[in-house]
Amino acid sequence: MTTATPVYISIDGVYYSLTHAPDLVRYGSKPSREIAASGARLGEINKQLRKFTDAVCYAPHQVFIGAITPQQLADLPTPWYGKLIEGARAQGKFGDIVSQDRLYALLAAADDFKLVTLEDQWFQEVGAKYANGATVQAKTLAEIKALCEKTAIPLYAGERLVGAFDTDFAEDANLAPDVLLENLAAKATAAHSLRGLLDSLNMKPSAVDYVISCSEEAIGDRYNRGGGNLAKAIAEKVGCENASGSDTKAFCAGPMYAMVHGASLIQSGVVRNVAVVAGGSLAKLGMKFESHVKGNMPILEDMLGSFAVMLSAAKKDAPSIRLDSAAFHPVRAGGSPQAMAEFLAEKPLAKLGMKFTDVDRYAVELHNPEITVPSGSGDVPRTNYRTLAALAVMRGHIKKEQMEDFARTRGMVGYAPTQGHIPSAVSYLGHALDALRAGEIRNTLFIAKGSLFLGRMTQLSDGCSFLVERNQG
């Protein structure tokens, strides 16, 4: 069955950010637990942390912000962390890399409850230039130390204590400093990406109708632990005074659902445009630090990833979500890799009268293999592409000896940080828009999966997919 009339929603632009946070690695879920068990772990972590310049010159990060393409990355010698790109810049074609100093200023500027306190001398020397006139709470070093001796989390720049992060309601575990820091980091980084997107589009914040956040956080109190609404907090921070918003959750598949939901709101006429945003996951910093320390390599999970995408009504020739191609992983489907490929690739393509070979590029979970392989997690993108290729062989779309070529030409190497929602397909959107506009590809199928079973409410997996192509209507 072929859909008679394609339904297009324009993708006006995308902006990606990577925020370097080496001194927050210790507060990631895995490192914090290991440090609590053995204080010596902190010293091991600190010895393997990267400098900001090394993070900027790391080739996968340059792909993430659009300075080089995934195809160019595949041709570079490895290990990428040992062969940095000399002269690389922190600003790319569709994104930027943010320093930790700037992150601290962003956190302070995004704070509405006096949770962040910066050391006054450090702020005057370093932080003030990033504050953009925002009111920042600053205190003396002695006062900062006193806060940290109680309930506050210390903020470091190397060995220097430069701030503290506290709570204003210690009685609620859901408002504990570590939880609030995780949530504020998501808000601040997402707001930064949305601001960058609006600047790149020369669009006023007041012109945004609706914001959907697909960040990995749970904002709430003891009576409603995941109540939200981070999207509206981000909209407020960026000055989107006419916008409202809501949060969309589906583990790693969240961004894909958010894109479909946003496109549907526009198609139905409820709003004119939607900004889909996501902030970084502090909890995922240093997840695989043990294998990196053991391998005497830098701790590569020192980056908070964030992005913002602007959707609007259909425009002739514009790269667009083909809304009628959207597919979901139903309850009745199994969670095997083949079942995922069938329901998120084969069946939606067949509905459009397409085969596997009619898709020029597949965007899947684009985890950087230099992060995952040393820990035994394997090369996630390559595994996914091999699964798609195997199913294409089973359906007679390609021959078995063409599997490797299928994976190489229609797939790509992974380059995104292991931030869960960040590598899940949408991290390729900027490159896809460029390739579509240049006529290098006709389309891209975006596929993301979510591990719902991690939340202990179901054994199910989840997933969502959609086709992106130029509006030929």
Protein backbone atom coordinates (compact mmCIF):
# COMPACT_ATOMS: atom_id res chain seq x y z
CA MET A 1 0.00 0.00 0.00
CA THR A 2 1.37 3.40 -1.00
CA THR A 3 0.36 6.66 0.66
CA ALA A 4 -1.28 8.83 -1.99
CA THR A 5 -0.31 12.25 -0.69
CA PRO A 6 2.85 12.83 1.37
CA VAL A 7 2.42 14.99 4.47
CA TYR A 8 5.37 17.32 5.01
CA ILE A 9 6.41 19.49 7.95
CA SER A 10 9.40 21.74 7.36
CA ILE A 11 12.60 21.42 9.38
CA ASP A 12 13.83 25.01 9.41
CA GLY A 13 17.06 24.44 11.29
CA VAL A 14 18.94 22.61 14.01
CA TYR A 15 21.56 23.63 16.55
CA TYR A 16 23.79 21.31 18.57
CA SER A 17 25.95 22.01 21.61
CA LEU A 18 28.55 20.01 23.47
CA THR A 19 29.37 21.38 26.91
CA HIS A 20 32.68 20.34 28.43
CA ALA A 21 32.18 19.44 32.10
CA PRO A 22 35.27 17.55 33.31
CA ASP A 23 34.90 18.60 36.94
CA LEU A 24 31.28 17.43 36.98
CA VAL A 25 32.25 13.90 35.90
CA ARG A 26 32.63 13.02 39.58
CA TYR A 27 28.90 13.74 39.99
CA GLY A 28 27.81 11.35 37.25
CA SER A 29 25.84 8.39 38.58
CA LYS A 30 28.54 5.76 38.08
CA PRO A 31 31.55 7.83 39.22
CA SER A 32 29.76 9.17 42.31
CA ARG A 33 28.89 5.66 43.45
CA GLU A 34 32.43 4.42 42.86
CA ILE A 35 33.97 7.42 44.63
CA ALA A 36 31.69 6.83 47.62
CA ALA A 37 32.93 3.24 47.77
CA SER A 38 36.60 4.19 47.38
CA GLY A 39 37.97 7.72 47.66
CA ALA A 40 40.97 6.72 45.53
CA ARG A 41 38.66 6.64 42.51
CA LEU A 42 38.48 10.45 42.43
CA GLY A 43 42.23 10.71 41.93
CA GLU A 44 42.09 8.15 39.11
CA ILE A 45 39.33 10.13 37.41
CA ASN A 46 41.05 13.49 37.76
CA LYS A 47 44.27 12.14 36.20
CA GLN A 48 42.41 11.15 33.02
CA LEU A 49 40.33 14.29 32.47
CA ARG A 50 40.73 16.25 29.22
CA LYS A 51 41.56 19.89 28.70
CA PHE A 52 39.01 22.00 26.85
CA THR A 53 41.29 22.37 23.81
CA ASP A 54 41.55 18.59 23.53
CA ALA A 55 37.77 18.28 23.69
CA VAL A 56 37.41 20.87 20.92
CA CYS A 57 39.98 19.17 18.70
CA TYR A 58 38.48 15.69 19.15
CA ALA A 59 37.20 14.64 15.71
CA PRO A 60 33.80 13.17 16.76
CA HIS A 61 32.97 16.46 18.46
CA GLN A 62 33.76 18.33 15.26
CA VAL A 63 31.29 16.08 13.45
CA PHE A 64 28.63 16.75 16.08
CA ILE A 65 28.78 20.53 15.53
CA GLY A 66 29.00 20.25 11.74
CA ALA A 67 32.63 21.18 11.12
CA ILE A 68 33.32 17.86 9.36
CA THR A 69 30.99 15.13 8.10
CA PRO A 70 30.58 11.55 9.39
CA GLN A 71 32.01 10.36 6.09
CA GLN A 72 35.15 12.45 6.65
CA LEU A 73 35.43 11.06 10.18
CA ALA A 74 35.43 7.52 8.82
CA ASP A 75 38.55 8.34 6.79
CA LEU A 76 40.52 9.75 9.74
CA PRO A 77 43.12 7.60 11.52
CA THR A 78 42.26 6.18 14.94
CA PRO A 79 42.31 6.39 17.87
CA TRP A 80 40.67 9.77 17.40
CA TYR A 81 41.53 10.80 20.94
CA GLY A 82 45.20 10.30 20.12
CA LYS A 83 45.05 12.05 16.74
CA LEU A 84 43.40 15.40 17.42
CA ILE A 85 42.51 17.86 14.66
CA GLU A 86 44.96 20.73 15.01
CA GLY A 87 43.44 24.17 14.83
CA ALA A 88 39.86 22.94 15.26
CA ARG A 89 37.43 25.58 16.43
CA ALA A 90 34.68 25.52 19.04
CA GLN A 91 32.11 26.90 16.58
CA GLY A 92 30.82 24.65 13.80
CA LYS A 93 28.37 24.97 10.94
CA PHE A 94 25.40 24.08 13.11
CA GLY A 95 26.62 24.09 16.69
CA ASP A 96 29.26 24.89 19.26
CA ILE A 97 31.41 23.46 22.04
CA VAL A 98 31.05 25.22 25.38
CA SER A 99 33.72 25.48 28.08
CA GLN A 100 33.15 24.51 31.70
CA ASP A 101 33.73 28.11 32.80
CA ARG A 102 30.88 29.20 30.57
CA LEU A 103 28.75 26.31 31.82
CA TYR A 104 29.03 27.55 35.40
CA ALA A 105 27.90 30.99 34.27
CA LEU A 106 25.02 29.43 32.32
CA LEU A 107 23.95 27.47 35.40
CA ALA A 108 23.99 30.60 37.54
CA ALA A 109 22.05 32.56 34.92
CA ALA A 110 19.43 29.79 34.62
CA ASP A 111 18.95 29.58 38.39
CA ASP A 112 15.72 31.14 39.72
CA PHE A 113 16.04 29.91 43.33
CA LYS A 114 19.57 30.92 44.42
CA LEU A 115 20.82 27.36 44.19
CA VAL A 116 24.12 28.33 42.52
CA THR A 117 26.72 30.37 44.37
CA LEU A 118 29.94 31.33 42.61
CA GLU A 119 33.14 32.41 44.33
CA ASP A 120 33.31 36.17 43.87
CA GLN A 121 36.96 36.43 42.86
CA TRP A 122 36.65 33.63 40.28
CA PHE A 123 33.49 35.20 38.94
CA GLN A 124 35.18 38.58 38.51
CA GLU A 125 38.24 36.98 36.87
CA VAL A 126 36.51 34.39 34.68
CA GLY A 127 32.76 33.97 34.95
CA ALA A 128 31.53 37.54 34.49
CA LYS A 129 32.35 37.63 30.78
CA TYR A 130 29.91 34.74 30.21
CA ALA A 131 27.08 36.01 32.40
CA ASN A 132 25.65 38.44 29.81
CA GLY A 133 24.45 40.78 32.52
CA ALA A 134 22.51 38.12 34.42
CA THR A 135 22.19 38.50 38.18
CA VAL A 136 24.56 35.96 39.75
CA GLN A 137 24.87 35.06 43.42
CA ALA A 138 28.54 35.42 44.43
CA LYS A 139 30.17 34.94 47.83
CA THR A 140 33.64 34.74 49.35
CA LEU A 141 35.69 31.57 49.30
CA ALA A 142 35.16 31.16 53.05
CA GLU A 143 31.40 31.36 52.59
CA ILE A 144 31.56 28.83 49.73
CA LYS A 145 33.51 26.40 51.92
CA ALA A 146 30.97 26.81 54.71
CA LEU A 147 28.13 25.91 52.32
CA CYS A 148 30.01 22.81 51.14
CA GLU A 149 30.57 21.68 54.73
CA LYS A 150 26.79 21.46 55.09
CA THR A 151 24.65 20.20 52.19
CA ALA A 152 26.03 22.00 49.12
CA ILE A 153 27.85 20.30 46.26
CA PRO A 154 31.25 21.90 45.54
CA LEU A 155 31.93 23.20 42.04
CA TYR A 156 35.54 22.98 40.92
CA ALA A 157 37.68 24.33 38.11
CA GLY A 158 40.56 21.91 38.31
CA GLU A 159 41.70 21.97 41.93
CA ARG A 160 40.20 25.40 42.56
CA LEU A 161 36.89 25.63 44.43
CA VAL A 162 34.87 28.16 42.44
CA GLY A 163 31.31 27.64 43.61
CA ALA A 164 28.67 25.62 45.38
CA PHE A 165 25.30 24.15 44.47
CA ASP A 166 22.72 23.80 47.21
CA THR A 167 19.02 23.21 47.75
CA ASP A 168 16.45 25.53 49.26
CA PHE A 169 14.36 22.63 50.63
CA ALA A 170 16.52 19.92 52.18
CA GLU A 171 13.54 17.96 53.54
CA ASP A 172 12.59 16.65 50.07
CA ALA A 173 14.92 14.06 48.52
CA ASN A 174 13.57 15.00 45.10
CA LEU A 175 14.93 18.50 45.64
CA ALA A 176 18.33 17.35 46.87
CA PRO A 177 21.34 19.24 45.47
CA ASP A 178 22.43 16.41 43.17
CA VAL A 179 18.94 16.10 41.65
CA LEU A 180 18.55 19.85 41.20
CA LEU A 181 22.02 20.16 39.66
CA GLU A 182 21.13 17.46 37.14
CA ASN A 183 17.89 19.25 36.26
CA LEU A 184 19.43 22.72 36.06
CA ALA A 185 22.21 21.40 33.80
CA ALA A 186 19.54 20.09 31.42
CA LYS A 187 17.71 23.43 31.50
CA ALA A 188 20.82 25.57 31.00
CA THR A 189 22.30 23.53 28.14
CA ALA A 190 18.98 23.18 26.32
CA ALA A 191 18.37 26.93 26.63
CA HIS A 192 21.81 27.59 25.20
CA SER A 193 21.07 25.42 22.16
CA LEU A 194 17.65 27.00 21.62
CA ARG A 195 19.19 30.46 21.80
CA GLY A 196 21.81 29.39 19.25
CA LEU A 197 19.11 28.01 16.95
CA LEU A 198 17.04 31.20 17.06
CA ASP A 199 20.13 33.30 16.35
CA SER A 200 21.04 31.10 13.37
CA LEU A 201 17.51 31.50 11.96
CA ASN A 202 17.39 35.23 12.73
CA MET A 203 14.17 34.44 14.57
CA LYS A 204 12.86 36.39 17.55
CA PRO A 205 12.12 34.33 20.68
CA SER A 206 8.67 35.90 20.80
CA ALA A 207 7.86 34.20 17.46
CA VAL A 208 8.08 30.70 18.96
CA ASP A 209 4.64 29.15 19.55
CA TYR A 210 5.46 25.93 21.39
CA VAL A 211 8.45 24.15 22.94
CA ILE A 212 8.77 20.40 23.51
CA SER A 213 11.58 19.15 25.74
CA CYS A 214 12.79 15.57 25.36
CA SER A 215 15.58 15.86 27.91
CA GLU A 216 16.52 13.05 30.27
CA GLU A 217 15.56 14.44 33.66
CA ALA A 218 12.72 14.23 36.18
CA ILE A 219 11.65 17.60 37.54
CA GLY A 220 9.25 17.57 40.46
CA ASP A 221 8.86 17.20 44.21
CA ARG A 222 7.99 14.38 46.58
CA TYR A 223 4.34 14.51 45.55
CA ASN A 224 5.02 14.38 41.80
CA ARG A 225 8.56 13.23 41.09
CA GLY A 226 8.47 13.70 37.33
CA GLY A 227 5.94 16.49 37.07
CA GLY A 228 7.91 18.72 34.66
CA ASN A 229 7.57 21.10 32.77
CA LEU A 230 11.17 21.69 31.68
CA ALA A 231 10.06 22.86 28.23
CA LYS A 232 8.29 25.89 29.66
CA ALA A 233 11.24 26.69 31.93
CA ILE A 234 13.51 26.64 28.88
CA ALA A 235 11.10 28.82 26.90
CA GLU A 236 11.04 31.35 29.74
CA LYS A 237 14.82 31.42 30.00
CA VAL A 238 15.26 32.10 26.27
CA GLY A 239 12.57 34.80 26.24
CA CYS A 240 9.91 32.89 24.29
CA GLU A 241 7.21 34.94 25.99
CA ASN A 242 4.38 33.80 23.71
CA ALA A 243 5.21 30.09 23.89
CA SER A 244 3.99 27.31 26.08
CA GLY A 245 5.27 23.76 26.05
CA SER A 246 5.41 20.27 27.47
CA ASP A 247 7.83 17.39 28.01
CA THR A 248 7.96 14.14 26.04
CA LYS A 249 9.54 11.03 27.55
CA ALA A 250 10.42 7.69 25.96
CA PHE A 251 13.94 6.96 27.20
CA CYS A 252 16.35 7.24 24.25
CA ALA A 253 13.50 7.43 21.72
CA GLY A 254 12.20 10.64 23.30
CA PRO A 255 13.58 13.04 20.65
CA MET A 256 11.92 11.11 17.82
CA TYR A 257 8.54 11.11 19.55
CA ALA A 258 8.98 14.82 20.30
CA MET A 259 9.62 15.52 16.62
CA VAL A 260 6.51 13.58 15.57
CA HIS A 261 4.39 15.24 18.26
CA GLY A 262 5.63 18.68 17.25
CA ALA A 263 5.01 18.01 13.56
CA SER A 264 1.51 16.78 14.37
CA LEU A 265 0.66 19.93 16.32
CA ILE A 266 1.64 22.00 13.29
CA GLN A 267 -0.17 19.78 10.78
CA SER A 268 -3.35 19.94 12.87
CA GLY A 269 -3.22 23.72 12.94
CA VAL A 270 -2.87 24.02 16.71
CA VAL A 271 0.40 25.99 16.42
CA ARG A 272 2.49 27.54 13.64
CA ASN A 273 5.87 26.30 14.81
CA VAL A 274 7.46 24.05 17.43
CA ALA A 275 10.94 24.07 18.93
CA VAL A 276 12.05 20.58 19.98
CA VAL A 277 14.82 20.86 22.57
CA ALA A 278 16.94 18.61 24.75
CA GLY A 279 19.48 19.37 27.45
CA GLY A 280 22.44 17.35 28.64
CA SER A 281 22.35 14.37 31.01
CA LEU A 282 24.67 14.97 33.95
CA ALA A 283 23.87 11.51 35.33
CA LYS A 284 25.51 9.92 32.29
CA LEU A 285 28.85 11.67 32.69
CA GLY A 286 31.65 9.14 33.20
CA MET A 287 29.40 6.07 32.83
CA LYS A 288 32.22 4.03 31.34
CA PHE A 289 35.11 5.79 33.08
CA GLU A 290 36.52 2.53 34.49
CA SER A 291 37.36 1.10 31.06
CA HIS A 292 38.86 4.42 29.98
CA VAL A 293 41.04 4.61 33.10
CA LYS A 294 42.06 0.97 32.65
CA GLY A 295 42.98 1.64 29.02
CA ASN A 296 45.02 4.72 29.98
CA MET A 297 42.89 6.86 27.69
CA PRO A 298 41.07 10.14 28.38
CA ILE A 299 37.69 9.93 30.06
CA LEU A 300 35.62 10.67 26.97
CA GLU A 301 32.26 10.97 28.72
CA ASP A 302 32.96 14.51 29.91
CA MET A 303 30.49 16.26 27.60
CA LEU A 304 26.88 17.33 28.08
CA GLY A 305 25.06 17.13 24.75
CA SER A 306 22.12 19.35 23.82
CA PHE A 307 20.19 20.36 20.72
CA ALA A 308 17.28 22.39 19.39
CA VAL A 309 15.23 21.84 16.21
CA MET A 310 12.70 24.24 14.67
CA LEU A 311 9.66 22.81 12.88
CA SER A 312 7.11 24.80 10.90
CA ALA A 313 4.44 24.44 8.20
CA ALA A 314 5.29 22.80 4.88
CA LYS A 315 7.50 24.77 2.48
CA LYS A 316 8.23 23.85 -1.13
CA ASP A 317 11.63 22.13 -1.59
CA ALA A 318 12.49 22.42 2.12
CA PRO A 319 13.96 19.41 3.97
CA SER A 320 11.01 18.04 5.89
CA ILE A 321 9.66 15.33 8.10
CA ARG A 322 7.40 13.14 6.04
CA LEU A 323 4.76 12.80 8.72
CA ASP A 324 2.89 9.99 6.98
CA SER A 325 6.06 7.88 7.26
CA ALA A 326 6.14 8.01 11.07
CA ALA A 327 6.19 4.57 12.67
CA PHE A 328 6.16 3.29 16.22
CA HIS A 329 7.08 0.06 18.00
CA PRO A 330 3.69 -1.43 19.01
CA VAL A 331 3.06 -3.35 22.22
CA ARG A 332 2.59 -6.59 20.27
CA ALA A 333 6.02 -6.37 18.63
CA GLY A 334 8.92 -8.27 20.12
CA GLY A 335 12.02 -6.55 21.40
CA SER A 336 14.55 -8.43 19.25
CA PRO A 337 16.78 -6.44 16.88
CA GLN A 338 14.99 -8.02 13.91
CA ALA A 339 11.56 -7.08 15.26
CA MET A 340 12.75 -3.52 15.79
CA ALA A 341 14.04 -3.35 12.22
CA GLU A 342 10.80 -4.80 10.87
CA PHE A 343 8.48 -2.35 12.64
CA LEU A 344 10.67 0.75 12.43
CA ALA A 345 12.14 0.30 8.95
CA GLU A 346 10.66 -2.45 6.78
CA LYS A 347 6.94 -1.94 7.48
CA PRO A 348 6.85 1.88 7.29
CA LEU A 349 8.91 1.80 4.09
CA ALA A 350 6.62 -0.83 2.57
CA LYS A 351 3.63 1.38 3.42
CA LEU A 352 5.23 4.06 1.22
CA GLY A 353 6.00 1.57 -1.55
CA MET A 354 9.73 1.60 -0.72
CA LYS A 355 12.40 -1.03 -0.15
CA PHE A 356 15.50 -0.88 2.04
CA THR A 357 17.54 0.18 -0.98
CA ASP A 358 15.30 3.18 -1.62
CA VAL A 359 16.72 4.91 1.47
CA ASP A 360 20.00 6.72 0.85
CA ARG A 361 21.01 7.12 4.49
CA TYR A 362 19.94 5.52 7.76
CA ALA A 363 20.41 7.43 11.02
CA VAL A 364 20.38 5.14 14.05
CA GLU A 365 21.88 5.26 17.55
CA LEU A 366 25.12 7.04 16.72
CA HIS A 367 27.14 6.29 19.85
CA ASN A 368 30.85 7.03 19.51
CA PRO A 369 32.54 3.59 19.41
CA GLU A 370 35.69 4.92 21.11
CA ILE A 371 33.54 5.32 24.21
CA THR A 372 31.59 2.06 24.03
CA VAL A 373 34.01 -0.52 22.60
CA PRO A 374 36.58 -0.40 25.45
CA SER A 375 33.83 -1.14 27.97
CA GLY A 376 32.57 -4.17 26.04
CA SER A 377 29.41 -2.48 24.77
CA GLY A 378 30.47 -2.91 21.16
CA ASP A 379 30.11 -0.64 18.15
CA VAL A 380 26.42 0.23 18.47
CA PRO A 381 25.87 1.93 15.08
CA ARG A 382 27.65 -0.84 13.20
CA THR A 383 25.54 -3.48 14.95
CA ASN A 384 22.36 -1.65 13.99
CA TYR A 385 23.44 -1.26 10.37
CA ARG A 386 24.32 -4.94 10.16
CA THR A 387 20.83 -5.79 11.44
CA LEU A 388 19.21 -3.61 8.77
CA ALA A 389 21.46 -5.12 6.10
CA ALA A 390 20.65 -8.67 7.23
CA LEU A 391 16.92 -7.97 7.00
CA ALA A 392 17.43 -6.47 3.55
CA VAL A 393 19.10 -9.74 2.53
CA MET A 394 16.24 -11.79 3.99
CA ARG A 395 13.73 -9.76 1.97
CA GLY A 396 15.75 -10.10 -1.22
CA HIS A 397 16.57 -6.40 -1.51
CA ILE A 398 20.34 -7.02 -1.54
CA LYS A 399 22.62 -10.05 -1.77
CA LYS A 400 24.49 -11.38 1.26
CA GLU A 401 27.83 -10.26 -0.12
CA GLN A 402 26.47 -6.70 -0.31
CA MET A 403 25.81 -6.40 3.42
CA GLU A 404 29.07 -4.66 4.23
CA ASP A 405 28.64 -2.22 1.37
CA PHE A 406 25.07 -1.51 2.51
CA ALA A 407 26.26 -0.70 6.04
CA ARG A 408 29.13 1.46 4.78
CA THR A 409 27.31 3.51 2.14
CA ARG A 410 23.90 3.87 3.78
CA GLY A 411 25.17 4.07 7.36
CA MET A 412 27.92 5.99 9.12
CA VAL A 413 30.39 5.78 11.99
CA GLY A 414 29.16 6.85 15.41
CA TYR A 415 30.29 10.19 16.79
CA ALA A 416 27.78 11.30 19.44
CA PRO A 417 28.43 11.26 23.19
CA THR A 418 26.75 8.48 25.17
CA GLN A 419 24.07 10.79 26.53
CA GLY A 420 21.14 8.46 25.82
CA HIS A 421 18.71 10.70 23.96
CA ILE A 422 21.46 12.73 22.25
CA PRO A 423 22.94 10.01 19.97
CA SER A 424 19.53 8.62 19.05
CA ALA A 425 19.40 9.47 15.34
CA VAL A 426 18.53 13.18 15.70
CA SER A 427 22.23 14.00 16.08
CA TYR A 428 22.51 13.38 12.30
CA LEU A 429 19.73 15.80 11.39
CA GLY A 430 22.02 18.76 10.68
CA HIS A 431 24.15 16.72 8.28
CA ALA A 432 21.01 15.31 6.64
CA LEU A 433 19.65 18.81 6.00
CA ASP A 434 22.94 19.84 4.39
CA ALA A 435 23.09 16.72 2.21
CA LEU A 436 19.46 17.11 1.12
CA ARG A 437 19.90 20.76 0.20
CA ALA A 438 23.04 19.92 -1.77
CA GLY A 439 21.30 17.07 -3.61
CA GLU A 440 23.80 14.53 -2.25
CA ILE A 441 21.02 12.30 -0.90
CA ARG A 442 17.29 11.97 -1.54
CA ASN A 443 16.24 10.95 1.94
CA THR A 444 17.22 9.68 5.39
CA LEU A 445 15.34 7.27 7.63
CA PHE A 446 15.73 8.21 11.30
CA ILE A 447 15.36 5.32 13.76
CA ALA A 448 15.57 5.43 17.56
CA LYS A 449 14.96 2.84 20.24
CA GLY A 450 14.14 3.16 23.94
CA SER A 451 14.76 0.71 26.78
CA LEU A 452 11.53 1.09 28.75
CA PHE A 453 12.36 -1.92 30.90
CA LEU A 454 15.00 0.11 32.72
CA GLY A 455 12.22 1.88 34.62
CA ARG A 456 10.82 -1.42 35.95
CA MET A 457 7.25 -0.72 34.85
CA THR A 458 7.29 -2.97 31.77
CA GLN A 459 9.57 -5.46 30.04
CA LEU A 460 8.93 -3.73 26.72
CA SER A 461 11.31 -1.88 24.47
CA ASP A 462 10.19 1.12 22.46
CA GLY A 463 11.01 2.87 19.22
CA CYS A 464 10.03 5.47 16.66
CA SER A 465 11.09 6.30 13.11
CA PHE A 466 10.35 8.73 10.30
CA LEU A 467 11.64 9.68 6.87
CA VAL A 468 13.22 13.06 6.15
CA GLU A 469 13.28 14.27 2.54
CA ARG A 470 12.75 17.42 0.50
CA ASN A 471 9.17 18.55 0.06
CA GLN A 472 8.43 17.79 -3.58
CA GLY A 473 4.79 18.87 -3.30
